[in-house]
Each structure stands twice: as C-alpha cells, then as structure tokens.
Amino acid sequence: MEDMNILAFFLSYPSLPIDASDEVSDEAIKRGDEFRTYIWGEKGIDVLLKSLSYVDYGKDLKRILFQFYIMPCDYERIHIKEIEQYRKNEKAIGIPIIVERSFFQFSETERREFLVSSMLSKFTILGNVVRNKKLDINMTKLVHDFSYNLKTFV
C-alpha cells in the first residue's frame, strides 16, 4: 500500500569529530535519542500528523520532508539550505530545520512550542515556493490541518 502521508521526517544526529571522546559521543547519542521522541514517540509529531494525506491538498506535492539537523557542525551547517528545491518528478520538497544545543535547555513546553513554530515558519517559505512555481497545493488548508492536529502536542 502506498504511503499517503504528505509529511515525513528525517533526523540527523549531532556531528562528531573523528577524535571525539566517548563522553562527547555518548552525549550526542543521548541528544539524538531524546529528540527522536518528539518526532516518533508515542505522542510525537509524526503520530499526530499521520492523517494528513497528500490527496487532500492538491496534485503537485506528495511529500514534504522535514529534516531536523541536531547541533550540526560548522561544515554541515553551511550546506543546509533554508528550503530545498522542489523535485517535480517526486512531487517532493525537503525542509531543513536546525536544532541548536539550546533546545535541550528549554522546558518541555518550550521544546514543543519551538518545534511547532519552526515548522509553521517553514510553511511560510514553502508557500512562497508554491506561489513561484504555481503548484497546485492548498497551503491554507494544509497549515490549518497541521495546526489543528498538533494542538494537543503543545
């Protein structure tokens, strides 16, 4: 059966230098594992947004891939774009979001608010791509459904 979800998620654990100590490596894994729960945990964003099917929003976008980069190194950071190019053949677009070290100092509520507000702000940029490329996608409905489905997340 084809995956109908319009939203998908990718997570990049913190980058480490080759000579990173075990302590630094363990910390990076801990941060990545901790962040994963906000996306794929029992009450994670992915679970709450599973019902958003691309067929409900138009014909030109089947997949929006939110790419979370946790504490990227400087080299990685300079190659992360605000939004990726629309891939016409796949009817897909990647949307990177950088998660800084400070995220892990936030309260639980602040972390959840950060995730929702970061994703919503990227929808504004996506709306510009949709307009510029004249894509058939109902951004108003998508943003409304996204917000509605995440009201229990925050």
Protein backbone atom coordinates (compact mmCIF):
# COMPACT_ATOMS: atom_id res chain seq x y z
CA MET A 1 0.00 0.00 0.00
CA GLU A 2 1.31 3.44 -0.92
CA ASP A 3 2.23 5.82 1.89
CA MET A 4 -0.26 8.68 1.56
CA ASN A 5 1.21 10.94 4.28
CA ILE A 6 2.12 14.35 2.93
CA LEU A 7 4.54 14.92 5.81
CA ALA A 8 7.60 12.83 6.58
CA PHE A 9 10.51 13.33 8.94
CA PHE A 10 14.26 12.83 8.89
CA LEU A 11 16.65 13.25 11.80
CA SER A 12 20.39 13.83 11.68
CA TYR A 13 22.14 13.16 14.98
CA PRO A 14 24.84 15.62 16.08
CA SER A 15 28.01 15.55 14.02
CA LEU A 16 31.16 14.49 15.80
CA PRO A 17 34.84 14.89 15.01
CA ILE A 18 36.68 11.62 14.43
CA ASP A 19 38.62 12.05 17.67
CA ALA A 20 35.55 12.73 19.84
CA SER A 21 35.78 11.30 23.32
CA ASP A 22 33.38 8.60 24.49
CA GLU A 23 31.74 11.20 26.73
CA VAL A 24 31.08 13.57 23.80
CA SER A 25 29.88 10.70 21.63
CA ASP A 26 27.52 9.45 24.36
CA GLU A 27 26.16 12.97 24.80
CA ALA A 28 25.46 13.27 21.06
CA ILE A 29 23.63 9.94 21.02
CA LYS A 30 21.65 10.95 24.10
CA ARG A 31 20.59 14.23 22.46
CA GLY A 32 19.59 12.50 19.24
CA ASP A 33 17.63 9.81 21.06
CA GLU A 34 15.93 12.43 23.21
CA PHE A 35 14.91 14.47 20.17
CA ARG A 36 13.56 11.37 18.38
CA THR A 37 10.81 11.05 20.98
CA TYR A 38 9.36 14.42 19.90
CA ILE A 39 9.02 13.12 16.34
CA TRP A 40 8.37 9.37 16.57
CA GLY A 41 7.48 8.90 20.23
CA GLU A 42 4.11 7.73 21.49
CA LYS A 43 2.73 11.28 21.31
CA GLY A 44 5.19 12.55 18.74
CA ILE A 45 4.57 14.86 15.82
CA ASP A 46 4.62 12.01 13.28
CA VAL A 47 1.87 10.15 15.12
CA LEU A 48 -0.31 13.25 15.36
CA LEU A 49 0.10 14.12 11.67
CA LYS A 50 -0.34 10.65 10.12
CA SER A 51 -3.87 11.54 8.97
CA LEU A 52 -2.66 14.33 6.64
CA SER A 53 -2.86 12.73 3.20
CA TYR A 54 -1.43 14.43 0.14
CA VAL A 55 -4.60 13.76 -1.86
CA ASP A 56 -6.42 16.33 0.33
CA TYR A 57 -4.18 19.27 -0.61
CA GLY A 58 -3.70 19.28 -4.38
CA LYS A 59 -1.92 17.38 -7.08
CA ASP A 60 1.61 18.85 -7.13
CA LEU A 61 3.02 17.85 -3.75
CA LYS A 62 3.10 14.33 -2.37
CA ARG A 63 5.81 14.68 0.23
CA ILE A 64 7.13 17.40 2.49
CA LEU A 65 10.20 16.06 4.27
CA PHE A 66 11.06 17.93 7.46
CA GLN A 67 14.78 17.36 8.02
CA PHE A 68 15.92 18.00 11.58
CA TYR A 69 19.64 18.61 12.00
CA ILE A 70 20.61 18.38 15.65
CA MET A 71 23.58 20.53 16.60
CA PRO A 72 25.24 20.36 13.15
CA CYS A 73 28.95 21.04 12.83
CA ASP A 74 30.02 24.21 11.03
CA TYR A 75 30.78 22.38 7.77
CA GLU A 76 27.37 20.72 7.76
CA ARG A 77 25.64 23.96 8.75
CA ILE A 78 26.94 25.95 5.76
CA HIS A 79 25.41 23.38 3.39
CA ILE A 80 21.95 23.40 4.97
CA LYS A 81 19.58 25.48 2.88
CA GLU A 82 16.55 27.39 4.08
CA ILE A 83 14.44 25.12 1.88
CA GLU A 84 15.44 22.63 -0.78
CA GLN A 85 14.50 22.72 -4.44
CA TYR A 86 11.09 21.33 -5.39
CA ARG A 87 11.60 17.93 -7.01
CA LYS A 88 8.98 17.81 -9.76
CA ASN A 89 9.42 14.12 -10.62
CA GLU A 90 8.94 13.09 -6.99
CA LYS A 91 6.47 15.87 -6.21
CA ALA A 92 8.51 16.44 -3.07
CA ILE A 93 10.43 19.08 -1.19
CA GLY A 94 12.82 18.96 1.76
CA ILE A 95 12.60 21.47 4.57
CA PRO A 96 15.63 21.60 6.89
CA ILE A 97 15.34 22.75 10.49
CA ILE A 98 18.42 23.25 12.65
CA VAL A 99 18.07 22.25 16.30
CA GLU A 100 20.65 24.07 18.38
CA ARG A 101 22.18 22.92 21.67
CA SER A 102 19.96 25.46 23.46
CA PHE A 103 16.89 23.36 22.56
CA PHE A 104 17.93 20.89 25.24
CA GLN A 105 17.97 23.64 27.87
CA PHE A 106 14.33 24.55 27.15
CA SER A 107 11.44 23.33 29.27
CA GLU A 108 9.24 20.58 27.84
CA THR A 109 6.63 23.13 26.77
CA GLU A 110 9.25 25.41 25.18
CA ARG A 111 10.66 22.48 23.20
CA ARG A 112 7.25 21.59 21.82
CA GLU A 113 6.48 25.23 21.02
CA PHE A 114 9.83 25.56 19.25
CA LEU A 115 9.12 22.54 17.05
CA VAL A 116 5.64 23.69 16.05
CA SER A 117 6.67 27.32 15.46
CA SER A 118 9.76 26.27 13.47
CA MET A 119 7.69 24.04 11.22
CA LEU A 120 4.99 26.69 10.79
CA SER A 121 7.59 29.31 9.84
CA LYS A 122 8.93 26.94 7.18
CA PHE A 123 5.40 26.61 5.78
CA THR A 124 5.59 30.34 5.04
CA ILE A 125 8.71 29.75 2.95
CA LEU A 126 7.06 26.73 1.32
CA GLY A 127 4.10 28.96 0.44
CA ASN A 128 6.48 31.21 -1.49
CA VAL A 129 7.78 28.20 -3.46
CA VAL A 130 4.21 27.10 -4.16
CA ARG A 131 3.33 30.57 -5.49
CA ASN A 132 6.53 30.99 -7.52
CA LYS A 133 6.27 27.56 -9.12
CA LYS A 134 2.47 27.83 -9.49
CA LEU A 135 1.96 24.49 -7.74
CA ASP A 136 -1.46 23.05 -7.09
CA ILE A 137 -1.34 22.79 -3.30
CA ASN A 138 -3.80 24.26 -0.84
CA MET A 139 -1.37 25.75 1.69
CA THR A 140 -4.15 27.38 3.73
CA LYS A 141 -5.83 24.03 4.33
CA LEU A 142 -2.51 22.28 4.97
CA VAL A 143 -1.41 24.84 7.58
CA HIS A 144 -4.86 24.74 9.21
CA ASP A 145 -4.88 20.92 9.41
CA PHE A 146 -1.27 20.87 10.62
CA SER A 147 -2.06 23.33 13.42
CA TYR A 148 -5.30 21.58 14.34
CA ASN A 149 -3.67 18.16 14.59
CA LEU A 150 -0.82 19.49 16.73
CA LYS A 151 -2.97 21.39 19.23
CA THR A 152 -2.52 18.51 21.71
CA PHE A 153 1.23 18.44 21.13
CA VAL A 154 1.94 21.83 22.68
